[in-house]
């Protein structure tokens, strides 16, 4: 059985839908953070998106030629699952369209490495409600956004999450990892 991991960037006030994440992330040295992200990528063989985030990612990452983080190579290589009732042609190699969360649950039951969901707030809210999330990786940025959608806004009650890692980075970002079981 594969783990489904929700990885989100968050502000201190819990906003995960910032208007400009590249601006929020700052310009500080992020090499220590990039090293951790590379480790997370090495342990996953699939990413999961909702249709809107998928289309945004598809329009940005495949064309990148200046990426030194490894994200472009990772996204082009791994299986990309997109949950959508309307998408017909994904237009990005190694993409599988899932029509509902039952199909995703079947994918989780297959052998393989981690499946990582990022962005895709409507989908992530549905994953939380369906109790499909095994781990949360929250990269908390040292800014207050004030408004925007939040990860656990209107979420169903969750049993106590188990903290498995906290890690500060030189940029001021802090990684909080929580397991659901």
N, C-alpha and C. Protein backbone atom coordinates (compact mmCIF):
# COMPACT_ATOMS: atom_id res chain seq x y z
N UNK A 1 0.84 -1.19 0.00
CA UNK A 1 0.00 0.00 0.00
C UNK A 1 0.88 1.25 0.00
N UNK A 2 0.53 2.19 -0.82
CA UNK A 2 1.31 3.42 -0.96
C UNK A 2 0.76 4.49 -0.02
N UNK A 3 1.67 5.37 0.44
CA UNK A 3 1.25 6.51 1.24
C UNK A 3 0.84 7.65 0.33
N UNK A 4 -0.23 8.33 0.70
CA UNK A 4 -0.63 9.56 0.04
C UNK A 4 -0.22 10.71 0.95
N UNK A 5 0.68 11.54 0.45
CA UNK A 5 1.25 12.62 1.24
C UNK A 5 0.81 13.96 0.66
N UNK A 6 0.20 14.77 1.49
CA UNK A 6 -0.16 16.13 1.09
C UNK A 6 0.99 17.03 1.47
N UNK A 7 1.58 17.68 0.48
CA UNK A 7 2.68 18.62 0.70
C UNK A 7 2.19 20.00 0.29
N UNK A 8 2.21 20.93 1.23
CA UNK A 8 1.72 22.27 0.95
C UNK A 8 2.67 23.32 1.50
N UNK A 9 2.79 24.41 0.78
CA UNK A 9 3.42 25.62 1.32
C UNK A 9 2.33 26.35 2.09
N UNK A 10 2.69 26.88 3.24
CA UNK A 10 1.73 27.59 4.07
C UNK A 10 2.40 28.82 4.67
N UNK A 11 1.59 29.84 4.90
CA UNK A 11 2.08 30.99 5.65
C UNK A 11 1.86 30.70 7.13
N UNK A 12 2.42 31.53 7.99
CA UNK A 12 2.24 31.33 9.43
C UNK A 12 0.77 31.32 9.81
N UNK A 13 -0.04 32.11 9.12
CA UNK A 13 -1.46 32.16 9.45
C UNK A 13 -2.28 31.10 8.71
N UNK A 14 -1.60 30.12 8.12
CA UNK A 14 -2.28 28.96 7.56
C UNK A 14 -2.77 29.08 6.15
N UNK A 15 -2.44 30.16 5.46
CA UNK A 15 -2.89 30.33 4.08
C UNK A 15 -2.02 29.48 3.15
N UNK A 16 -2.68 28.66 2.33
CA UNK A 16 -1.93 27.86 1.37
C UNK A 16 -2.18 28.32 -0.06
N UNK A 17 -2.99 29.34 -0.20
CA UNK A 17 -3.29 29.87 -1.53
C UNK A 17 -2.78 31.31 -1.59
N UNK A 18 -1.48 31.47 -1.61
CA UNK A 18 -0.90 32.80 -1.72
C UNK A 18 -0.90 33.21 -3.19
N UNK A 19 -1.05 34.49 -3.42
CA UNK A 19 -1.12 34.99 -4.80
C UNK A 19 0.18 34.74 -5.55
N UNK A 20 1.30 34.77 -4.84
CA UNK A 20 2.60 34.63 -5.50
C UNK A 20 3.54 33.84 -4.60
N UNK A 21 3.53 32.50 -4.72
CA UNK A 21 4.38 31.70 -3.84
C UNK A 21 5.85 31.97 -4.08
N UNK A 22 6.22 32.31 -5.30
CA UNK A 22 7.64 32.58 -5.54
C UNK A 22 8.06 33.83 -4.79
N UNK A 23 7.17 34.82 -4.65
CA UNK A 23 7.46 36.01 -3.87
C UNK A 23 7.47 35.72 -2.38
N UNK A 24 6.52 34.90 -1.93
CA UNK A 24 6.45 34.53 -0.52
C UNK A 24 7.69 33.75 -0.11
N UNK A 25 8.18 32.90 -1.01
CA UNK A 25 9.32 32.05 -0.69
C UNK A 25 10.59 32.86 -0.44
N UNK A 26 10.65 34.07 -0.94
CA UNK A 26 11.83 34.91 -0.68
C UNK A 26 12.99 34.56 -1.59
N UNK A 27 14.07 35.29 -1.40
CA UNK A 27 15.25 35.11 -2.24
C UNK A 27 16.44 34.59 -1.45
N UNK A 28 16.21 34.18 -0.20
CA UNK A 28 17.31 33.67 0.62
C UNK A 28 17.87 32.38 0.02
N UNK A 29 19.05 32.01 0.53
CA UNK A 29 19.63 30.73 0.13
C UNK A 29 18.70 29.61 0.57
N UNK A 30 18.26 28.81 -0.38
CA UNK A 30 17.32 27.72 -0.11
C UNK A 30 17.96 26.36 -0.34
N UNK A 31 19.29 26.29 -0.34
CA UNK A 31 19.94 25.03 -0.68
C UNK A 31 19.59 23.91 0.30
N UNK A 32 19.47 24.24 1.60
CA UNK A 32 19.12 23.21 2.57
C UNK A 32 17.69 22.71 2.35
N UNK A 33 16.80 23.61 2.01
CA UNK A 33 15.41 23.25 1.71
C UNK A 33 15.34 22.43 0.42
N UNK A 34 16.08 22.83 -0.59
CA UNK A 34 16.10 22.08 -1.85
C UNK A 34 16.62 20.67 -1.65
N UNK A 35 17.61 20.48 -0.76
CA UNK A 35 18.12 19.14 -0.47
C UNK A 35 17.02 18.24 0.10
N UNK A 36 16.22 18.79 1.01
CA UNK A 36 15.12 18.01 1.60
C UNK A 36 14.08 17.69 0.53
N UNK A 37 13.76 18.66 -0.31
CA UNK A 37 12.79 18.41 -1.38
C UNK A 37 13.27 17.32 -2.33
N UNK A 38 14.57 17.32 -2.63
CA UNK A 38 15.12 16.25 -3.49
C UNK A 38 14.95 14.89 -2.83
N UNK A 39 15.14 14.83 -1.53
CA UNK A 39 14.92 13.58 -0.80
C UNK A 39 13.47 13.12 -0.88
N UNK A 40 12.55 14.07 -0.72
CA UNK A 40 11.13 13.73 -0.84
C UNK A 40 10.81 13.23 -2.24
N UNK A 41 11.37 13.88 -3.25
CA UNK A 41 11.13 13.44 -4.63
C UNK A 41 11.68 12.04 -4.86
N UNK A 42 12.83 11.73 -4.28
CA UNK A 42 13.44 10.40 -4.47
C UNK A 42 12.56 9.30 -3.89
N UNK A 43 11.73 9.63 -2.90
CA UNK A 43 10.87 8.64 -2.27
C UNK A 43 9.47 8.58 -2.85
N UNK A 44 9.24 9.30 -3.95
CA UNK A 44 7.92 9.27 -4.57
C UNK A 44 8.06 8.90 -6.04
N UNK A 45 7.07 8.20 -6.53
CA UNK A 45 7.05 7.87 -7.96
C UNK A 45 5.78 8.37 -8.63
N UNK A 46 5.02 9.21 -7.90
CA UNK A 46 3.79 9.75 -8.46
C UNK A 46 3.43 11.05 -7.76
N UNK A 47 2.79 11.93 -8.53
CA UNK A 47 2.23 13.15 -7.98
C UNK A 47 0.74 13.17 -8.33
N UNK A 48 -0.02 13.90 -7.53
CA UNK A 48 -1.47 13.95 -7.68
C UNK A 48 -1.91 15.40 -7.71
N UNK A 49 -2.73 15.72 -8.70
CA UNK A 49 -3.24 17.08 -8.84
C UNK A 49 -4.73 17.04 -9.14
N UNK A 50 -5.40 18.13 -8.81
CA UNK A 50 -6.71 18.40 -9.36
C UNK A 50 -6.50 19.01 -10.74
N UNK A 51 -7.55 19.14 -11.51
CA UNK A 51 -7.42 19.61 -12.89
C UNK A 51 -6.81 21.00 -12.99
N UNK A 52 -7.26 21.94 -12.18
CA UNK A 52 -6.77 23.32 -12.29
C UNK A 52 -5.27 23.38 -12.01
N UNK A 53 -4.83 22.79 -10.91
CA UNK A 53 -3.40 22.81 -10.59
C UNK A 53 -2.61 22.05 -11.64
N UNK A 54 -3.14 20.92 -12.11
CA UNK A 54 -2.47 20.17 -13.16
C UNK A 54 -2.23 21.04 -14.38
N UNK A 55 -3.26 21.75 -14.82
CA UNK A 55 -3.10 22.60 -16.01
C UNK A 55 -2.09 23.72 -15.78
N UNK A 56 -2.05 24.26 -14.56
CA UNK A 56 -1.04 25.28 -14.24
C UNK A 56 0.36 24.69 -14.27
N UNK A 57 0.52 23.53 -13.68
CA UNK A 57 1.83 22.86 -13.66
C UNK A 57 2.27 22.47 -15.07
N UNK A 58 1.35 21.93 -15.83
CA UNK A 58 1.64 21.52 -17.22
C UNK A 58 2.07 22.72 -18.06
N UNK A 59 1.54 23.88 -17.78
CA UNK A 59 1.91 25.07 -18.52
C UNK A 59 3.21 25.70 -18.09
N UNK A 60 3.77 25.23 -16.97
CA UNK A 60 4.99 25.84 -16.43
C UNK A 60 6.20 24.91 -16.45
N UNK A 61 6.10 23.76 -15.80
CA UNK A 61 7.27 22.93 -15.56
C UNK A 61 7.88 22.25 -16.78
N UNK A 62 7.12 21.67 -17.69
CA UNK A 62 7.77 20.95 -18.80
C UNK A 62 8.70 21.81 -19.64
N UNK A 63 8.46 23.10 -19.71
CA UNK A 63 9.28 23.99 -20.54
C UNK A 63 10.49 24.55 -19.81
N UNK A 64 10.60 24.31 -18.52
CA UNK A 64 11.71 24.89 -17.75
C UNK A 64 13.04 24.28 -18.19
N UNK A 65 14.00 25.12 -18.46
CA UNK A 65 15.34 24.64 -18.80
C UNK A 65 16.38 25.14 -17.81
N UNK A 66 15.97 26.03 -16.90
CA UNK A 66 16.91 26.63 -15.95
C UNK A 66 16.72 26.11 -14.53
N UNK A 67 15.97 25.04 -14.35
CA UNK A 67 15.66 24.51 -13.02
C UNK A 67 16.85 23.73 -12.47
N UNK A 68 17.39 24.16 -11.35
CA UNK A 68 18.51 23.45 -10.72
C UNK A 68 18.05 22.61 -9.53
N UNK A 69 16.76 22.64 -9.21
CA UNK A 69 16.25 21.91 -8.04
C UNK A 69 15.94 20.45 -8.34
N UNK A 70 15.76 20.10 -9.60
CA UNK A 70 15.38 18.74 -9.97
C UNK A 70 13.87 18.56 -10.12
N UNK A 71 13.09 19.60 -9.82
CA UNK A 71 11.64 19.48 -9.91
C UNK A 71 11.20 19.19 -11.34
N UNK A 72 11.75 19.89 -12.31
CA UNK A 72 11.36 19.67 -13.71
C UNK A 72 11.58 18.22 -14.11
N UNK A 73 12.78 17.70 -13.86
CA UNK A 73 13.07 16.32 -14.22
C UNK A 73 12.14 15.35 -13.51
N UNK A 74 11.91 15.60 -12.23
CA UNK A 74 11.04 14.71 -11.45
C UNK A 74 9.62 14.70 -12.03
N UNK A 75 9.06 15.88 -12.26
CA UNK A 75 7.69 15.95 -12.76
C UNK A 75 7.56 15.36 -14.16
N UNK A 76 8.56 15.51 -14.97
CA UNK A 76 8.49 14.93 -16.32
C UNK A 76 8.63 13.41 -16.29
N UNK A 77 9.26 12.86 -15.25
CA UNK A 77 9.54 11.43 -15.17
C UNK A 77 8.43 10.64 -14.47
N UNK A 78 7.93 11.15 -13.35
CA UNK A 78 7.01 10.36 -12.53
C UNK A 78 5.62 10.28 -13.16
N UNK A 79 4.82 9.36 -12.64
CA UNK A 79 3.42 9.29 -13.05
C UNK A 79 2.68 10.46 -12.43
N UNK A 80 1.92 11.14 -13.26
CA UNK A 80 1.10 12.25 -12.79
C UNK A 80 -0.35 11.78 -12.84
N UNK A 81 -1.00 11.78 -11.68
CA UNK A 81 -2.42 11.47 -11.62
C UNK A 81 -3.16 12.79 -11.51
N UNK A 82 -4.20 12.95 -12.30
CA UNK A 82 -5.03 14.13 -12.23
C UNK A 82 -6.48 13.67 -12.06
N UNK A 83 -7.10 14.16 -10.99
CA UNK A 83 -8.50 13.83 -10.74
C UNK A 83 -9.36 14.87 -11.45
N UNK A 84 -10.12 14.40 -12.43
CA UNK A 84 -10.94 15.33 -13.21
C UNK A 84 -12.09 14.57 -13.88
N UNK A 85 -13.22 15.19 -13.86
CA UNK A 85 -14.37 14.64 -14.57
C UNK A 85 -14.49 15.19 -15.97
N UNK A 86 -13.64 16.16 -16.32
CA UNK A 86 -13.79 16.81 -17.63
C UNK A 86 -12.56 16.71 -18.52
N UNK A 87 -11.38 16.53 -17.98
CA UNK A 87 -10.15 16.51 -18.78
C UNK A 87 -10.15 15.29 -19.69
N UNK A 88 -9.90 15.50 -20.97
CA UNK A 88 -9.90 14.40 -21.93
C UNK A 88 -8.48 14.03 -22.35
N UNK A 89 -7.68 15.01 -22.71
CA UNK A 89 -6.31 14.77 -23.17
C UNK A 89 -5.36 15.52 -22.25
N UNK A 90 -4.59 14.79 -21.44
CA UNK A 90 -3.74 15.49 -20.48
C UNK A 90 -2.63 16.31 -21.11
N UNK A 91 -2.11 15.92 -22.25
CA UNK A 91 -1.08 16.71 -22.91
C UNK A 91 0.23 16.77 -22.16
N UNK A 92 0.50 15.81 -21.30
CA UNK A 92 1.78 15.74 -20.58
C UNK A 92 2.05 14.26 -20.37
N UNK A 93 3.19 13.81 -20.86
CA UNK A 93 3.48 12.38 -20.81
C UNK A 93 3.43 11.85 -19.38
N UNK A 94 3.16 10.55 -19.29
CA UNK A 94 3.08 9.84 -18.01
C UNK A 94 1.94 10.35 -17.13
N UNK A 95 0.86 10.82 -17.74
CA UNK A 95 -0.28 11.30 -16.97
C UNK A 95 -1.44 10.32 -17.09
N UNK A 96 -2.06 10.05 -15.93
CA UNK A 96 -3.23 9.18 -15.86
C UNK A 96 -4.37 10.00 -15.29
N UNK A 97 -5.49 10.00 -15.99
CA UNK A 97 -6.67 10.71 -15.51
C UNK A 97 -7.50 9.77 -14.65
N UNK A 98 -7.81 10.23 -13.44
CA UNK A 98 -8.69 9.50 -12.54
C UNK A 98 -10.01 10.26 -12.49
N UNK A 99 -11.11 9.55 -12.59
CA UNK A 99 -12.41 10.22 -12.63
C UNK A 99 -12.99 10.48 -11.24
N UNK A 100 -12.51 9.74 -10.21
CA UNK A 100 -13.05 9.95 -8.86
C UNK A 100 -12.07 9.41 -7.82
N UNK A 101 -12.42 9.62 -6.56
CA UNK A 101 -11.53 9.20 -5.47
C UNK A 101 -11.50 7.70 -5.28
N UNK A 102 -12.52 6.98 -5.75
CA UNK A 102 -12.48 5.51 -5.70
C UNK A 102 -11.34 4.99 -6.56
N UNK A 103 -11.14 5.60 -7.72
CA UNK A 103 -10.03 5.20 -8.58
C UNK A 103 -8.70 5.51 -7.90
N UNK A 104 -8.63 6.62 -7.19
CA UNK A 104 -7.41 6.96 -6.45
C UNK A 104 -7.15 5.95 -5.34
N UNK A 105 -8.18 5.55 -4.62
CA UNK A 105 -8.01 4.55 -3.55
C UNK A 105 -7.44 3.26 -4.13
N UNK A 106 -7.87 2.88 -5.32
CA UNK A 106 -7.33 1.67 -5.97
C UNK A 106 -5.85 1.86 -6.31
N UNK A 107 -5.45 3.05 -6.74
CA UNK A 107 -4.04 3.34 -7.03
C UNK A 107 -3.22 3.23 -5.74
N UNK A 108 -3.75 3.74 -4.63
CA UNK A 108 -3.05 3.65 -3.35
C UNK A 108 -2.79 2.21 -2.94
N UNK A 109 -3.68 1.31 -3.33
CA UNK A 109 -3.54 -0.10 -2.97
C UNK A 109 -2.50 -0.83 -3.80
N UNK A 110 -2.02 -0.22 -4.87
CA UNK A 110 -1.01 -0.84 -5.71
C UNK A 110 0.37 -0.66 -5.09
N UNK A 111 1.32 -1.53 -5.42
CA UNK A 111 2.67 -1.34 -4.92
C UNK A 111 3.32 -0.11 -5.55
N UNK A 112 4.23 0.49 -4.84
CA UNK A 112 4.94 1.65 -5.34
C UNK A 112 5.40 2.54 -4.21
N UNK A 113 5.98 3.67 -4.59
CA UNK A 113 6.45 4.64 -3.62
C UNK A 113 5.33 5.63 -3.30
N UNK A 114 5.69 6.68 -2.56
CA UNK A 114 4.73 7.69 -2.15
C UNK A 114 4.06 8.36 -3.34
N UNK A 115 2.81 8.76 -3.12
CA UNK A 115 2.06 9.62 -4.04
C UNK A 115 1.96 10.96 -3.34
N UNK A 116 2.41 12.03 -3.99
CA UNK A 116 2.44 13.34 -3.35
C UNK A 116 1.44 14.27 -4.02
N UNK A 117 0.52 14.79 -3.22
CA UNK A 117 -0.43 15.80 -3.69
C UNK A 117 0.07 17.16 -3.22
N UNK A 118 0.04 18.12 -4.13
CA UNK A 118 0.44 19.48 -3.77
C UNK A 118 -0.46 20.48 -4.48
N UNK A 119 -0.64 21.64 -3.86
CA UNK A 119 -1.60 22.59 -4.42
C UNK A 119 -2.97 21.96 -4.38
N UNK A 120 -3.75 22.14 -5.44
CA UNK A 120 -5.01 21.40 -5.62
C UNK A 120 -5.91 21.46 -4.40
N UNK A 121 -6.18 22.65 -3.91
CA UNK A 121 -6.87 22.79 -2.63
C UNK A 121 -8.24 22.11 -2.59
N UNK A 122 -9.03 22.21 -3.65
CA UNK A 122 -10.34 21.53 -3.63
C UNK A 122 -10.16 20.02 -3.54
N UNK A 123 -9.22 19.49 -4.31
CA UNK A 123 -8.95 18.06 -4.25
C UNK A 123 -8.44 17.66 -2.87
N UNK A 124 -7.52 18.43 -2.32
CA UNK A 124 -6.96 18.09 -1.00
C UNK A 124 -8.06 18.11 0.06
N UNK A 125 -8.97 19.07 0.00
CA UNK A 125 -10.09 19.08 0.93
C UNK A 125 -10.92 17.80 0.78
N UNK A 126 -11.12 17.33 -0.44
CA UNK A 126 -11.86 16.09 -0.67
C UNK A 126 -11.08 14.88 -0.14
N UNK A 127 -9.75 14.89 -0.30
CA UNK A 127 -8.92 13.80 0.23
C UNK A 127 -9.02 13.73 1.75
N UNK A 128 -9.00 14.90 2.39
CA UNK A 128 -9.13 14.95 3.86
C UNK A 128 -10.48 14.38 4.27
N UNK A 129 -11.54 14.84 3.61
CA UNK A 129 -12.89 14.38 3.95
C UNK A 129 -13.06 12.87 3.73
N UNK A 130 -12.37 12.33 2.73
CA UNK A 130 -12.46 10.90 2.42
C UNK A 130 -11.47 10.06 3.24
N UNK A 131 -10.71 10.71 4.11
CA UNK A 131 -9.73 10.03 4.97
C UNK A 131 -8.70 9.24 4.16
N UNK A 132 -8.21 9.85 3.09
CA UNK A 132 -7.22 9.19 2.23
C UNK A 132 -5.78 9.67 2.49
N UNK A 133 -5.60 10.68 3.32
CA UNK A 133 -4.27 11.26 3.55
C UNK A 133 -3.55 10.49 4.65
N UNK A 134 -2.31 10.08 4.35
CA UNK A 134 -1.48 9.37 5.33
C UNK A 134 -0.51 10.31 6.05
N UNK A 135 -0.11 11.39 5.37
CA UNK A 135 0.88 12.30 5.96
C UNK A 135 0.67 13.70 5.40
N UNK A 136 0.95 14.69 6.23
CA UNK A 136 0.96 16.09 5.82
C UNK A 136 2.38 16.61 5.97
N UNK A 137 2.89 17.25 4.92
CA UNK A 137 4.17 17.95 4.97
C UNK A 137 3.87 19.42 4.74
N UNK A 138 4.00 20.19 5.77
CA UNK A 138 3.67 21.61 5.70
C UNK A 138 4.96 22.42 5.77
N UNK A 139 5.24 23.14 4.70
CA UNK A 139 6.38 24.04 4.67
C UNK A 139 5.86 25.42 5.03
N UNK A 140 6.09 25.82 6.29
CA UNK A 140 5.53 27.06 6.82
C UNK A 140 6.52 28.20 6.58
N UNK A 141 6.07 29.19 5.80
CA UNK A 141 6.90 30.34 5.44
C UNK A 141 6.68 31.48 6.44
N UNK A 142 7.73 32.23 6.76
CA UNK A 142 7.65 33.27 7.80
C UNK A 142 7.01 34.56 7.31
N UNK A 143 5.78 34.45 6.83
CA UNK A 143 5.01 35.60 6.39
C UNK A 143 3.56 35.40 6.83
N UNK A 144 2.83 36.50 6.91
CA UNK A 144 1.40 36.48 7.18
C UNK A 144 0.71 37.01 5.93
N UNK A 145 -0.12 36.19 5.33
CA UNK A 145 -0.81 36.56 4.09
C UNK A 145 -2.11 37.32 4.39
N UNK A 146 -2.77 36.94 5.48
CA UNK A 146 -4.00 37.62 5.87
C UNK A 146 -5.26 37.02 5.30
N UNK A 147 -5.30 36.81 4.00
CA UNK A 147 -6.48 36.22 3.38
C UNK A 147 -6.04 35.13 2.41
N UNK A 148 -6.96 34.26 2.11
CA UNK A 148 -6.69 33.16 1.19
C UNK A 148 -7.20 31.87 1.78
N UNK A 149 -7.26 30.85 0.94
CA UNK A 149 -7.79 29.57 1.41
C UNK A 149 -6.77 28.87 2.30
N UNK A 150 -7.32 28.12 3.23
CA UNK A 150 -6.51 27.43 4.23
C UNK A 150 -6.68 25.91 4.08
N UNK A 151 -5.67 25.19 4.49
CA UNK A 151 -5.68 23.74 4.34
C UNK A 151 -6.82 23.09 5.11
N UNK A 152 -7.02 23.49 6.35
CA UNK A 152 -8.00 22.81 7.19
C UNK A 152 -9.27 23.63 7.40
N UNK A 153 -9.50 24.64 6.58
CA UNK A 153 -10.75 25.39 6.67
C UNK A 153 -11.91 24.46 6.32
N UNK A 154 -12.90 24.43 7.15
CA UNK A 154 -14.08 23.60 6.94
C UNK A 154 -13.75 22.11 6.81
N UNK A 155 -12.61 21.70 7.36
CA UNK A 155 -12.24 20.29 7.31
C UNK A 155 -13.05 19.52 8.36
N UNK A 156 -13.31 18.26 8.09
CA UNK A 156 -13.96 17.44 9.13
C UNK A 156 -12.99 17.28 10.30
N UNK A 157 -13.53 16.94 11.44
CA UNK A 157 -12.68 16.71 12.60
C UNK A 157 -11.69 15.60 12.27
N UNK A 158 -10.43 15.83 12.57
CA UNK A 158 -9.40 14.82 12.35
C UNK A 158 -8.95 14.27 13.69
N UNK A 159 -8.69 12.97 13.72
CA UNK A 159 -8.11 12.44 14.93
C UNK A 159 -6.74 13.08 15.12
N UNK A 160 -6.22 12.98 16.28
CA UNK A 160 -4.95 13.62 16.60
C UNK A 160 -3.87 13.22 15.59
N UNK A 161 -3.21 14.21 15.03
CA UNK A 161 -2.12 13.96 14.11
C UNK A 161 -0.85 13.73 14.93
N UNK A 162 0.02 12.87 14.44
CA UNK A 162 1.26 12.54 15.14
C UNK A 162 2.42 13.27 14.48
N UNK A 163 3.07 14.15 15.22
CA UNK A 163 4.23 14.89 14.72
C UNK A 163 5.40 13.93 14.55
N UNK A 164 5.98 13.89 13.34
CA UNK A 164 7.11 13.00 13.09
C UNK A 164 8.39 13.75 12.76
N UNK A 165 8.26 15.05 12.43
CA UNK A 165 9.47 15.82 12.12
C UNK A 165 9.16 17.31 12.17
N UNK A 166 10.09 18.05 12.73
CA UNK A 166 10.13 19.50 12.58
C UNK A 166 11.54 19.83 12.12
N UNK A 167 11.62 20.74 11.16
CA UNK A 167 12.95 21.07 10.65
C UNK A 167 12.96 22.52 10.18
N UNK A 168 13.77 23.35 10.84
CA UNK A 168 13.90 24.73 10.37
C UNK A 168 14.96 24.81 9.26
N UNK A 169 14.76 25.77 8.36
CA UNK A 169 15.71 26.01 7.28
C UNK A 169 16.28 27.41 7.41
N UNK A 170 17.42 27.63 6.78
CA UNK A 170 18.10 28.92 6.85
C UNK A 170 17.23 30.08 6.38
N UNK A 171 16.30 29.81 5.48
CA UNK A 171 15.42 30.84 4.93
C UNK A 171 14.34 31.29 5.90
N UNK A 172 14.18 30.57 7.02
CA UNK A 172 13.12 30.85 7.97
C UNK A 172 11.91 29.95 7.79
N UNK A 173 11.89 29.18 6.71
CA UNK A 173 10.83 28.20 6.49
C UNK A 173 11.01 27.07 7.50
N UNK A 174 9.90 26.52 7.96
CA UNK A 174 9.93 25.38 8.88
C UNK A 174 9.09 24.26 8.28
N UNK A 175 9.64 23.05 8.24
CA UNK A 175 8.91 21.89 7.79
C UNK A 175 8.26 21.24 9.01
N UNK A 176 6.96 21.02 8.92
CA UNK A 176 6.22 20.26 9.93
C UNK A 176 5.65 19.04 9.23
N UNK A 177 6.03 17.85 9.72
CA UNK A 177 5.48 16.61 9.15
C UNK A 177 4.61 15.92 10.18
N UNK A 178 3.39 15.59 9.76
CA UNK A 178 2.44 14.91 10.63
C UNK A 178 1.91 13.66 9.94
N UNK A 179 1.83 12.56 10.69
CA UNK A 179 1.21 11.32 10.22
C UNK A 179 -0.20 11.24 10.76
N UNK A 180 -1.07 10.61 10.00
CA UNK A 180 -2.45 10.48 10.44
C UNK A 180 -2.67 9.24 11.29
N UNK A 181 -1.71 8.34 11.30
CA UNK A 181 -1.87 7.12 12.13
C UNK A 181 -0.60 6.84 12.90
